[in-house]
Full PDB file with SEQRES, HELIX, SHEET, SSBOND, CRYST1, ORIGX, SCALE, CONECT and MASTER records, all heavy atoms in Angstrom:
SEQRES   1 A   40  PRO SER PRO GLU GLU SER GLN THR ALA ALA ASP HIS GLY          
SEQRES   2 A   40  GLU GLN ARG LEU ARG LEU GLY PHE SER LEU GLU ALA VAL          
SEQRES   3 A   40  VAL ARG GLU TYR GLY ALA LEU GLN GLU ALA ILE LEU ALA          
SEQRES   4 A   40  THR                                                          
HELIX    1 AA1 PRO A    3  GLU A    5  5                                   3    
HELIX    2 AA2 THR A    8  LEU A   19  1                                  12    
HELIX    3 AA3 LEU A   23  ALA A   39  1                                  17    
CRYST1    1.000    1.000    1.000  90.00  90.00  90.00 P 1           1          
ORIGX1      1.000000  0.000000  0.000000        0.00000                         
ORIGX2      0.000000  1.000000  0.000000        0.00000                         
ORIGX3      0.000000  0.000000  1.000000        0.00000                         
SCALE1      1.000000  0.000000  0.000000        0.00000                         
SCALE2      0.000000  1.000000  0.000000        0.00000                         
SCALE3      0.000000  0.000000  1.000000        0.00000                         
ATOM      1  N   PRO A   1      91.285 116.655  99.213  1.00  0.00           N  
ATOM      2  CA  PRO A   1      92.750 116.564  99.223  1.00  0.00           C  
ATOM      3  C   PRO A   1      93.180 115.300  99.952  1.00  0.00           C  
ATOM      4  O   PRO A   1      92.608 114.941 100.974  1.00  0.00           O  
ATOM      5  CB  PRO A   1      93.173 117.832  99.979  1.00  0.00           C  
ATOM      6  CG  PRO A   1      92.004 118.759  99.884  1.00  0.00           C  
ATOM      7  CD  PRO A   1      90.802 117.871  99.863  1.00  0.00           C  
ATOM      8  N   SER A   2      94.163 114.632  99.419  1.00  0.00           N  
ATOM      9  CA  SER A   2      94.589 113.358  99.977  1.00  0.00           C  
ATOM     10  C   SER A   2      96.014 113.430 100.497  1.00  0.00           C  
ATOM     11  O   SER A   2      96.857 114.109  99.909  1.00  0.00           O  
ATOM     12  CB  SER A   2      94.509 112.269  98.891  1.00  0.00           C  
ATOM     13  OG  SER A   2      95.214 111.130  99.288  1.00  0.00           O  
ATOM     14  N   PRO A   3      96.309 112.701 101.605  1.00  0.00           N  
ATOM     15  CA  PRO A   3      97.701 112.598 102.051  1.00  0.00           C  
ATOM     16  C   PRO A   3      98.627 112.024 100.996  1.00  0.00           C  
ATOM     17  O   PRO A   3      99.834 112.160 101.087  1.00  0.00           O  
ATOM     18  CB  PRO A   3      97.604 111.663 103.267  1.00  0.00           C  
ATOM     19  CG  PRO A   3      96.209 111.825 103.756  1.00  0.00           C  
ATOM     20  CD  PRO A   3      95.384 112.026 102.518  1.00  0.00           C  
ATOM     21  N   GLU A   4      98.054 111.395  99.994  1.00  0.00           N  
ATOM     22  CA  GLU A   4      98.884 110.831  98.930  1.00  0.00           C  
ATOM     23  C   GLU A   4      99.585 111.925  98.131  1.00  0.00           C  
ATOM     24  O   GLU A   4     100.555 111.678  97.432  1.00  0.00           O  
ATOM     25  CB  GLU A   4      98.011 109.994  97.999  1.00  0.00           C  
ATOM     26  CG  GLU A   4      98.800 109.153  97.014  1.00  0.00           C  
ATOM     27  CD  GLU A   4      97.928 108.232  96.213  1.00  0.00           C  
ATOM     28  OE1 GLU A   4      96.701 108.312  96.326  1.00  0.00           O  
ATOM     29  OE2 GLU A   4      98.483 107.423  95.460  1.00  0.00           O  
ATOM     30  N   GLU A   5      99.082 113.158  98.260  1.00  0.00           N  
ATOM     31  CA  GLU A   5      99.676 114.254  97.524  1.00  0.00           C  
ATOM     32  C   GLU A   5     100.980 114.731  98.162  1.00  0.00           C  
ATOM     33  O   GLU A   5     101.682 115.556  97.605  1.00  0.00           O  
ATOM     34  CB  GLU A   5      98.684 115.419  97.434  1.00  0.00           C  
ATOM     35  CG  GLU A   5      97.411 115.062  96.657  1.00  0.00           C  
ATOM     36  CD  GLU A   5      96.369 116.145  96.769  1.00  0.00           C  
ATOM     37  OE1 GLU A   5      96.634 117.151  97.453  1.00  0.00           O  
ATOM     38  OE2 GLU A   5      95.291 115.980  96.186  1.00  0.00           O  
ATOM     39  N   SER A   6     101.278 114.289  99.352  1.00  0.00           N  
ATOM     40  CA  SER A   6     102.500 114.713 100.026  1.00  0.00           C  
ATOM     41  C   SER A   6     103.445 113.532 100.191  1.00  0.00           C  
ATOM     42  O   SER A   6     103.130 112.405  99.841  1.00  0.00           O  
ATOM     43  CB  SER A   6     102.177 115.319 101.392  1.00  0.00           C  
ATOM     44  OG  SER A   6     101.921 114.281 102.321  1.00  0.00           O  
ATOM     45  N   GLN A   7     104.594 113.802 100.779  1.00  0.00           N  
ATOM     46  CA  GLN A   7     105.613 112.786 100.984  1.00  0.00           C  
ATOM     47  C   GLN A   7     105.483 112.126 102.346  1.00  0.00           C  
ATOM     48  O   GLN A   7     106.220 111.197 102.660  1.00  0.00           O  
ATOM     49  CB  GLN A   7     106.969 113.479 100.871  1.00  0.00           C  
ATOM     50  CG  GLN A   7     108.166 112.695 100.383  1.00  0.00           C  
ATOM     51  CD  GLN A   7     107.964 111.703  99.283  1.00  0.00           C  
ATOM     52  OE1 GLN A   7     107.270 111.961  98.308  1.00  0.00           O  
ATOM     53  NE2 GLN A   7     108.598 110.570  99.422  1.00  0.00           N  
ATOM     54  N   THR A   8     104.511 112.558 103.152  1.00  0.00           N  
ATOM     55  CA  THR A   8     104.424 112.093 104.537  1.00  0.00           C  
ATOM     56  C   THR A   8     104.259 110.578 104.633  1.00  0.00           C  
ATOM     57  O   THR A   8     105.005 109.900 105.348  1.00  0.00           O  
ATOM     58  CB  THR A   8     103.251 112.780 105.262  1.00  0.00           C  
ATOM     59  OG1 THR A   8     103.442 114.185 105.228  1.00  0.00           O  
ATOM     60  CG2 THR A   8     103.175 112.331 106.716  1.00  0.00           C  
ATOM     61  N   ALA A   9     103.247 110.036 103.934  1.00  0.00           N  
ATOM     62  CA  ALA A   9     102.988 108.604 104.029  1.00  0.00           C  
ATOM     63  C   ALA A   9     104.145 107.792 103.446  1.00  0.00           C  
ATOM     64  O   ALA A   9     104.500 106.728 103.974  1.00  0.00           O  
ATOM     65  CB  ALA A   9     101.681 108.256 103.317  1.00  0.00           C  
ATOM     66  N   ALA A  10     104.751 108.292 102.353  1.00  0.00           N  
ATOM     67  CA  ALA A  10     105.888 107.589 101.761  1.00  0.00           C  
ATOM     68  C   ALA A  10     107.064 107.557 102.729  1.00  0.00           C  
ATOM     69  O   ALA A  10     107.715 106.518 102.913  1.00  0.00           O  
ATOM     70  CB  ALA A  10     106.298 108.246 100.449  1.00  0.00           C  
ATOM     71  N   ASP A  11     107.337 108.688 103.360  1.00  0.00           N  
ATOM     72  CA  ASP A  11     108.420 108.734 104.354  1.00  0.00           C  
ATOM     73  C   ASP A  11     108.133 107.791 105.504  1.00  0.00           C  
ATOM     74  O   ASP A  11     109.039 107.140 106.041  1.00  0.00           O  
ATOM     75  CB  ASP A  11     108.580 110.161 104.886  1.00  0.00           C  
ATOM     76  CG  ASP A  11     109.135 111.104 103.831  1.00  0.00           C  
ATOM     77  OD1 ASP A  11     109.700 110.612 102.839  1.00  0.00           O  
ATOM     78  OD2 ASP A  11     108.994 112.334 104.006  1.00  0.00           O  
ATOM     79  N   HIS A  12     106.856 107.718 105.884  1.00  0.00           N  
ATOM     80  CA  HIS A  12     106.463 106.835 106.976  1.00  0.00           C  
ATOM     81  C   HIS A  12     106.732 105.378 106.614  1.00  0.00           C  
ATOM     82  O   HIS A  12     107.257 104.600 107.414  1.00  0.00           O  
ATOM     83  CB  HIS A  12     104.977 107.037 107.285  1.00  0.00           C  
ATOM     84  CG  HIS A  12     104.445 106.149 108.353  1.00  0.00           C  
ATOM     85  ND1 HIS A  12     103.682 105.043 108.081  1.00  0.00           N  
ATOM     86  CD2 HIS A  12     104.596 106.190 109.704  1.00  0.00           C  
ATOM     87  CE1 HIS A  12     103.365 104.447 109.216  1.00  0.00           C  
ATOM     88  NE2 HIS A  12     103.898 105.111 110.215  1.00  0.00           N  
ATOM     89  N   GLY A  13     106.367 104.982 105.380  1.00  0.00           N  
ATOM     90  CA  GLY A  13     106.600 103.602 104.950  1.00  0.00           C  
ATOM     91  C   GLY A  13     108.072 103.249 104.934  1.00  0.00           C  
ATOM     92  O   GLY A  13     108.468 102.161 105.373  1.00  0.00           O  
ATOM     93  N   GLU A  14     108.914 104.188 104.428  1.00  0.00           N  
ATOM     94  CA  GLU A  14     110.354 103.934 104.400  1.00  0.00           C  
ATOM     95  C   GLU A  14     110.925 103.837 105.815  1.00  0.00           C  
ATOM     96  O   GLU A  14     111.740 102.962 106.109  1.00  0.00           O  
ATOM     97  CB  GLU A  14     111.064 105.050 103.637  1.00  0.00           C  
ATOM     98  CG  GLU A  14     112.575 104.855 103.556  1.00  0.00           C  
ATOM     99  CD  GLU A  14     113.271 105.958 102.804  1.00  0.00           C  
ATOM    100  OE1 GLU A  14     112.588 106.912 102.368  1.00  0.00           O  
ATOM    101  OE2 GLU A  14     114.502 105.881 102.649  1.00  0.00           O  
ATOM    102  N   GLN A  15     110.476 104.733 106.700  1.00  0.00           N  
ATOM    103  CA  GLN A  15     110.985 104.708 108.075  1.00  0.00           C  
ATOM    104  C   GLN A  15     110.625 103.399 108.769  1.00  0.00           C  
ATOM    105  O   GLN A  15     111.428 102.814 109.486  1.00  0.00           O  
ATOM    106  CB  GLN A  15     110.428 105.893 108.867  1.00  0.00           C  
ATOM    107  CG  GLN A  15     111.013 105.990 110.276  1.00  0.00           C  
ATOM    108  CD  GLN A  15     109.983 106.394 111.306  1.00  0.00           C  
ATOM    109  OE1 GLN A  15     108.822 106.000 111.221  1.00  0.00           O  
ATOM    110  NE2 GLN A  15     110.415 107.169 112.283  1.00  0.00           N  
ATOM    111  N   ARG A  16     109.392 102.933 108.558  1.00  0.00           N  
ATOM    112  CA  ARG A  16     108.958 101.688 109.209  1.00  0.00           C  
ATOM    113  C   ARG A  16     109.780 100.494 108.723  1.00  0.00           C  
ATOM    114  O   ARG A  16     110.048  99.565 109.492  1.00  0.00           O  
ATOM    115  CB  ARG A  16     107.479 101.443 108.948  1.00  0.00           C  
ATOM    116  CG  ARG A  16     106.463 102.217 109.790  1.00  0.00           C  
ATOM    117  CD  ARG A  16     107.016 102.973 110.935  1.00  0.00           C  
ATOM    118  NE  ARG A  16     105.995 103.419 111.862  1.00  0.00           N  
ATOM    119  CZ  ARG A  16     106.172 104.340 112.787  1.00  0.00           C  
ATOM    120  NH1 ARG A  16     107.353 104.948 112.875  1.00  0.00           N  
ATOM    121  NH2 ARG A  16     105.202 104.675 113.615  1.00  0.00           N  
ATOM    122  N   LEU A  17     110.179 100.503 107.479  1.00  0.00           N  
ATOM    123  CA  LEU A  17     111.063  99.445 106.977  1.00  0.00           C  
ATOM    124  C   LEU A  17     112.385  99.476 107.725  1.00  0.00           C  
ATOM    125  O   LEU A  17     112.892  98.427 108.155  1.00  0.00           O  
ATOM    126  CB  LEU A  17     111.293  99.629 105.472  1.00  0.00           C  
ATOM    127  CG  LEU A  17     112.341  98.717 104.832  1.00  0.00           C  
ATOM    128  CD1 LEU A  17     111.875  97.258 104.867  1.00  0.00           C  
ATOM    129  CD2 LEU A  17     112.626  99.138 103.392  1.00  0.00           C  
ATOM    130  N   ARG A  18     112.974 100.666 107.884  1.00  0.00           N  
ATOM    131  CA  ARG A  18     114.261 100.793 108.570  1.00  0.00           C  
ATOM    132  C   ARG A  18     114.166 100.390 110.037  1.00  0.00           C  
ATOM    133  O   ARG A  18     115.143  99.914 110.620  1.00  0.00           O  
ATOM    134  CB  ARG A  18     114.778 102.238 108.474  1.00  0.00           C  
ATOM    135  CG  ARG A  18     114.869 102.799 107.067  1.00  0.00           C  
ATOM    136  CD  ARG A  18     115.716 101.946 106.155  1.00  0.00           C  
ATOM    137  NE  ARG A  18     115.711 102.457 104.781  1.00  0.00           N  
ATOM    138  CZ  ARG A  18     116.055 101.744 103.726  1.00  0.00           C  
ATOM    139  NH1 ARG A  18     116.445 100.485 103.889  1.00  0.00           N  
ATOM    140  NH2 ARG A  18     116.027 102.264 102.519  1.00  0.00           N  
ATOM    141  N   LEU A  19     112.976 100.601 110.643  1.00  0.00           N  
ATOM    142  CA  LEU A  19     112.801 100.289 112.061  1.00  0.00           C  
ATOM    143  C   LEU A  19     112.454  98.826 112.312  1.00  0.00           C  
ATOM    144  O   LEU A  19     112.338  98.406 113.461  1.00  0.00           O  
ATOM    145  CB  LEU A  19     111.719 101.184 112.668  1.00  0.00           C  
ATOM    146  CG  LEU A  19     112.050 102.677 112.762  1.00  0.00           C  
ATOM    147  CD1 LEU A  19     110.853 103.456 113.296  1.00  0.00           C  
ATOM    148  CD2 LEU A  19     113.267 102.902 113.652  1.00  0.00           C  
ATOM    149  N   GLY A  20     112.233  98.060 111.252  1.00  0.00           N  
ATOM    150  CA  GLY A  20     111.976  96.634 111.415  1.00  0.00           C  
ATOM    151  C   GLY A  20     110.515  96.244 111.448  1.00  0.00           C  
ATOM    152  O   GLY A  20     110.172  95.113 111.816  1.00  0.00           O  
ATOM    153  N   PHE A  21     109.608  97.148 111.064  1.00  0.00           N  
ATOM    154  CA  PHE A  21     108.193  96.797 110.987  1.00  0.00           C  
ATOM    155  C   PHE A  21     107.977  95.798 109.842  1.00  0.00           C  
ATOM    156  O   PHE A  21     108.645  95.858 108.815  1.00  0.00           O  
ATOM    157  CB  PHE A  21     107.350  98.036 110.696  1.00  0.00           C  
ATOM    158  CG  PHE A  21     107.035  98.882 111.903  1.00  0.00           C  
ATOM    159  CD1 PHE A  21     108.037  99.456 112.654  1.00  0.00           C  
ATOM    160  CD2 PHE A  21     105.715  99.112 112.273  1.00  0.00           C  
ATOM    161  CE1 PHE A  21     107.750 100.250 113.743  1.00  0.00           C  
ATOM    162  CE2 PHE A  21     105.414  99.913 113.366  1.00  0.00           C  
ATOM    163  CZ  PHE A  21     106.436 100.480 114.110  1.00  0.00           C  
ATOM    164  N   SER A  22     107.005  94.922 110.007  1.00  0.00           N  
ATOM    165  CA  SER A  22     106.578  94.082 108.893  1.00  0.00           C  
ATOM    166  C   SER A  22     105.599  94.885 108.043  1.00  0.00           C  
ATOM    167  O   SER A  22     105.043  95.901 108.493  1.00  0.00           O  
ATOM    168  CB  SER A  22     105.883  92.815 109.399  1.00  0.00           C  
ATOM    169  OG  SER A  22     104.649  93.127 110.022  1.00  0.00           O  
ATOM    170  N   LEU A  23     105.363  94.425 106.814  1.00  0.00           N  
ATOM    171  CA  LEU A  23     104.413  95.116 105.943  1.00  0.00           C  
ATOM    172  C   LEU A  23     103.013  95.060 106.540  1.00  0.00           C  
ATOM    173  O   LEU A  23     102.246  96.030 106.469  1.00  0.00           O  
ATOM    174  CB  LEU A  23     104.431  94.474 104.553  1.00  0.00           C  
ATOM    175  CG  LEU A  23     103.795  95.271 103.419  1.00  0.00           C  
ATOM    176  CD1 LEU A  23     104.450  96.641 103.294  1.00  0.00           C  
ATOM    177  CD2 LEU A  23     103.908  94.515 102.107  1.00  0.00           C  
ATOM    178  N   GLU A  24     102.673  93.938 107.141  1.00  0.00           N  
ATOM    179  CA  GLU A  24     101.359  93.806 107.788  1.00  0.00           C  
ATOM    180  C   GLU A  24     101.215  94.824 108.921  1.00  0.00           C  
ATOM    181  O   GLU A  24     100.156  95.438 109.088  1.00  0.00           O  
ATOM    182  CB  GLU A  24     101.202  92.390 108.352  1.00  0.00           C  
ATOM    183  CG  GLU A  24      99.888  92.173 109.089  1.00  0.00           C  
ATOM    184  CD  GLU A  24      99.842  90.840 109.826  1.00  0.00           C  
ATOM    185  OE1 GLU A  24     100.870  90.134 109.829  1.00  0.00           O  
ATOM    186  OE2 GLU A  24      98.789  90.528 110.390  1.00  0.00           O  
ATOM    187  N   ALA A  25     102.302  95.028 109.684  1.00  0.00           N  
ATOM    188  CA  ALA A  25     102.252  95.984 110.787  1.00  0.00           C  
ATOM    189  C   ALA A  25     102.034  97.403 110.288  1.00  0.00           C  
ATOM    190  O   ALA A  25     101.325  98.194 110.922  1.00  0.00           O  
ATOM    191  CB  ALA A  25     103.529  95.898 111.610  1.00  0.00           C  
ATOM    192  N   VAL A  26     102.627  97.754 109.142  1.00  0.00           N  
ATOM    193  CA  VAL A  26     102.438  99.082 108.579  1.00  0.00           C  
ATOM    194  C   VAL A  26     100.962  99.311 108.249  1.00  0.00           C  
ATOM    195  O   VAL A  26     100.384 100.366 108.558  1.00  0.00           O  
ATOM    196  CB  VAL A  26     103.305  99.274 107.317  1.00  0.00           C  
ATOM    197  CG1 VAL A  26     102.987 100.612 106.650  1.00  0.00           C  
ATOM    198  CG2 VAL A  26     104.784  99.208 107.672  1.00  0.00           C  
ATOM    199  N   VAL A  27     100.332  98.318 107.629  1.00  0.00           N  
ATOM    200  CA  VAL A  27      98.914  98.435 107.274  1.00  0.00           C  
ATOM    201  C   VAL A  27      98.059  98.540 108.528  1.00  0.00           C  
ATOM    202  O   VAL A  27      97.178  99.404 108.638  1.00  0.00           O  
ATOM    203  CB  VAL A  27      98.474  97.234 106.419  1.00  0.00           C  
ATOM    204  CG1 VAL A  27      96.971  97.296 106.152  1.00  0.00           C  
ATOM    205  CG2 VAL A  27      99.235  97.214 105.099  1.00  0.00           C  
ATOM    206  N   ARG A  28      98.319  97.679 109.486  1.00  0.00           N  
ATOM    207  CA  ARG A  28      97.518  97.664 110.705  1.00  0.00           C  
ATOM    208  C   ARG A  28      97.727  98.930 111.531  1.00  0.00           C  
ATOM    209  O   ARG A  28      96.838  99.362 112.274  1.00  0.00           O  
ATOM    210  CB  ARG A  28      97.860  96.426 111.531  1.00  0.00           C  
ATOM    211  CG  ARG A  28      97.393  95.114 110.866  1.00  0.00           C  
ATOM    212  CD  ARG A  28      97.862  93.915 111.636  1.00  0.00           C  
ATOM    213  NE  ARG A  28      97.307  93.884 112.980  1.00  0.00           N  
ATOM    214  CZ  ARG A  28      97.733  93.066 113.939  1.00  0.00           C  
ATOM    215  NH1 ARG A  28      98.733  92.237 113.694  1.00  0.00           N  
ATOM    216  NH2 ARG A  28      97.174  93.094 115.135  1.00  0.00           N  
ATOM    217  N   GLU A  29      98.896  99.556 111.392  1.00  0.00           N  
ATOM    218  CA  GLU A  29      99.157 100.803 112.111  1.00  0.00           C  
ATOM    219  C   GLU A  29      98.207 101.904 111.642  1.00  0.00           C  
ATOM    220  O   GLU A  29      97.721 102.707 112.452  1.00  0.00           O  
ATOM    221  CB  GLU A  29     100.615 101.224 111.911  1.00  0.00           C  
ATOM    222  CG  GLU A  29     101.026 102.384 112.795  1.00  0.00           C  
ATOM    223  CD  GLU A  29     102.486 102.759 112.628  1.00  0.00           C  
ATOM    224  OE1 GLU A  29     103.112 102.274 111.669  1.00  0.00           O  
ATOM    225  OE2 GLU A  29     102.980 103.537 113.459  1.00  0.00           O  
ATOM    226  N   TYR A  30      97.930 101.949 110.343  1.00  0.00           N  
ATOM    227  CA  TYR A  30      96.986 102.939 109.844  1.00  0.00           C  
ATOM    228  C   TYR A  30      95.570 102.635 110.329  1.00  0.00           C  
ATOM    229  O   TYR A  30      94.774 103.545 110.581  1.00  0.00           O  
ATOM    230  CB  TYR A  30      97.029 102.995 108.310  1.00  0.00           C  
ATOM    231  CG  TYR A  30      98.159 103.845 107.791  1.00  0.00           C  
ATOM    232  CD1 TYR A  30      99.415 103.308 107.590  1.00  0.00           C  
ATOM    233  CD2 TYR A  30      97.969 105.195 107.528  1.00  0.00           C  
ATOM    234  CE1 TYR A  30     100.468 104.093 107.128  1.00  0.00           C  
ATOM    235  CE2 TYR A  30      99.005 105.984 107.070  1.00  0.00           C  
ATOM    236  CZ  TYR A  30     100.251 105.426 106.870  1.00  0.00           C  
ATOM    237  OH  TYR A  30     101.289 106.211 106.428  1.00  0.00           O  
ATOM    238  N   GLY A  31      95.255 101.338 110.465  1.00  0.00           N  
ATOM    239  CA  GLY A  31      93.959 100.973 111.042  1.00  0.00           C  
ATOM    240  C   GLY A  31      93.848 101.430 112.487  1.00  0.00           C  
ATOM    241  O   GLY A  31      92.798 101.940 112.928  1.00  0.00           O  
ATOM    242  N   ALA A  32      94.956 101.287 113.238  1.00  0.00           N  
ATOM    243  CA  ALA A  32      94.972 101.745 114.627  1.00  0.00           C  
ATOM    244  C   ALA A  32      94.824 103.262 114.688  1.00  0.00           C  
ATOM    245  O   ALA A  32      94.142 103.805 115.585  1.00  0.00           O  
ATOM    246  CB  ALA A  32      96.272 101.312 115.298  1.00  0.00           C  
ATOM    247  N   LEU A  33      95.435 103.968 113.741  1.00  0.00           N  
ATOM    248  CA  LEU A  33      95.320 105.427 113.704  1.00  0.00           C  
ATOM    249  C   LEU A  33      93.874 105.846 113.470  1.00  0.00           C  
ATOM    250  O   LEU A  33      93.366 106.769 114.121  1.00  0.00           O  
ATOM    251  CB  LEU A  33      96.227 105.981 112.602  1.00  0.00           C  
ATOM    252  CG  LEU A  33      96.154 107.492 112.369  1.00  0.00           C  
ATOM    253  CD1 LEU A  33      96.543 108.258 113.625  1.00  0.00           C  
ATOM    254  CD2 LEU A  33      97.060 107.894 111.203  1.00  0.00           C  
ATOM    255  N   GLN A  34      93.196 105.170 112.558  1.00  0.00           N  
ATOM    256  CA  GLN A  34      91.786 105.502 112.300  1.00  0.00           C  
ATOM    257  C   GLN A  34      90.945 105.265 113.545  1.00  0.00           C  
ATOM    258  O   GLN A  34      90.090 106.089 113.901  1.00  0.00           O  
ATOM    259  CB  GLN A  34      91.266 104.663 111.133  1.00  0.00           C  
ATOM    260  CG  GLN A  34      89.787 104.903 110.830  1.00  0.00           C  
ATOM    261  CD  GLN A  34      89.326 104.137 109.611  1.00  0.00           C  
ATOM    262  OE1 GLN A  34      89.620 104.512 108.487  1.00  0.00           O  
ATOM    263  NE2 GLN A  34      88.584 103.052 109.837  1.00  0.00           N  
ATOM    264  N   GLU A  35      91.176 104.145 114.226  1.00  0.00           N  
ATOM    265  CA  GLU A  35      90.433 103.853 115.448  1.00  0.00           C  
ATOM    266  C   GLU A  35      90.694 104.924 116.506  1.00  0.00           C  
ATOM    267  O   GLU A  35      89.772 105.350 117.228  1.00  0.00           O  
ATOM    268  CB  GLU A  35      90.830 102.482 115.990  1.00  0.00           C  
ATOM    269  CG  GLU A  35      90.371 101.313 115.138  1.00  0.00           C  
ATOM    270  CD  GLU A  35      90.825  99.982 115.714  1.00  0.00           C  
ATOM    271  OE1 GLU A  35      91.073  99.925 116.933  1.00  0.00           O  
ATOM    272  OE2 GLU A  35      90.938  99.013 114.939  1.00  0.00           O  
ATOM    273  N   ALA A  36      91.956 105.379 116.592  1.00  0.00           N  
ATOM    274  CA  ALA A  36      92.304 106.398 117.577  1.00  0.00           C  
ATOM    275  C   ALA A  36      91.602 107.719 117.274  1.00  0.00           C  
ATOM    276  O   ALA A  36      91.141 108.419 118.193  1.00  0.00           O  
ATOM    277  CB  ALA A  36      93.816 106.596 117.611  1.00  0.00           C  
ATOM    278  N   ILE A  37      91.513 108.083 115.994  1.00  0.00           N  
ATOM    279  CA  ILE A  37      90.829 109.323 115.609  1.00  0.00           C  
ATOM    280  C   ILE A  37      89.357 109.258 116.018  1.00  0.00           C  
ATOM    281  O   ILE A  37      88.810 110.198 116.621  1.00  0.00           O  
ATOM    282  CB  ILE A  37      90.963 109.563 114.090  1.00  0.00           C  
ATOM    283  CG1 ILE A  37      92.416 109.867 113.723  1.00  0.00           C  
ATOM    284  CG2 ILE A  37      90.056 110.713 113.644  1.00  0.00           C  
ATOM    285  CD1 ILE A  37      92.665 109.945 112.230  1.00  0.00           C  
ATOM    286  N   LEU A  38      88.702 108.153 115.687  1.00  0.00           N  
ATOM    287  CA  LEU A  38      87.284 108.011 116.004  1.00  0.00           C  
ATOM    288  C   LEU A  38      87.056 107.924 117.503  1.00  0.00           C  
ATOM    289  O   LEU A  38      86.086 108.494 118.037  1.00  0.00           O  
ATOM    290  CB  LEU A  38      86.717 106.777 115.302  1.00  0.00           C  
ATOM    291  CG  LEU A  38      86.798 106.786 113.768  1.00  0.00           C  
ATOM    292  CD1 LEU A  38      86.197 105.510 113.192  1.00  0.00           C  
ATOM    293  CD2 LEU A  38      86.098 108.015 113.198  1.00  0.00           C  
ATOM    294  N   ALA A  39      87.945 107.211 118.227  1.00  0.00           N  
ATOM    295  CA  ALA A  39      87.805 107.101 119.682  1.00  0.00           C  
ATOM    296  C   ALA A  39      87.953 108.463 120.343  1.00  0.00           C  
ATOM    297  O   ALA A  39      87.213 108.802 121.289  1.00  0.00           O  
ATOM    298  CB  ALA A  39      88.846 106.126 120.229  1.00  0.00           C  
ATOM    299  N   THR A  40      88.894 109.262 119.851  1.00  0.00           N  
ATOM    300  CA  THR A  40      89.084 110.607 120.393  1.00  0.00           C  
ATOM    301  C   THR A  40      87.845 111.466 120.154  1.00  0.00           C  
ATOM    302  O   THR A  40      87.416 112.232 121.035  1.00  0.00           O  
ATOM    303  CB  THR A  40      90.311 111.274 119.741  1.00  0.00           C  
ATOM    304  OG1 THR A  40      91.462 110.467 119.993  1.00  0.00           O  
ATOM    305  CG2 THR A  40      90.540 112.666 120.308  1.00  0.00           C  
TER     306      THR A  40                                                      
MASTER        0    0    0    3    0    0    0    6  305    1    0    4          
END                                                                             
C-alpha cells in the first residue's frame, strides 16, 4: 500500500506551496523524513 493512495501527500504539497516552501525544499523534506525514520 502506498501513501499515494491517500490525499495526505497531495495536501502536504499544497500546504507547502502556501507556506512559501520551494519545490526543492518539498523534495528534500521527504529525504529528511526518511533519514529521521531510519535514525529513530
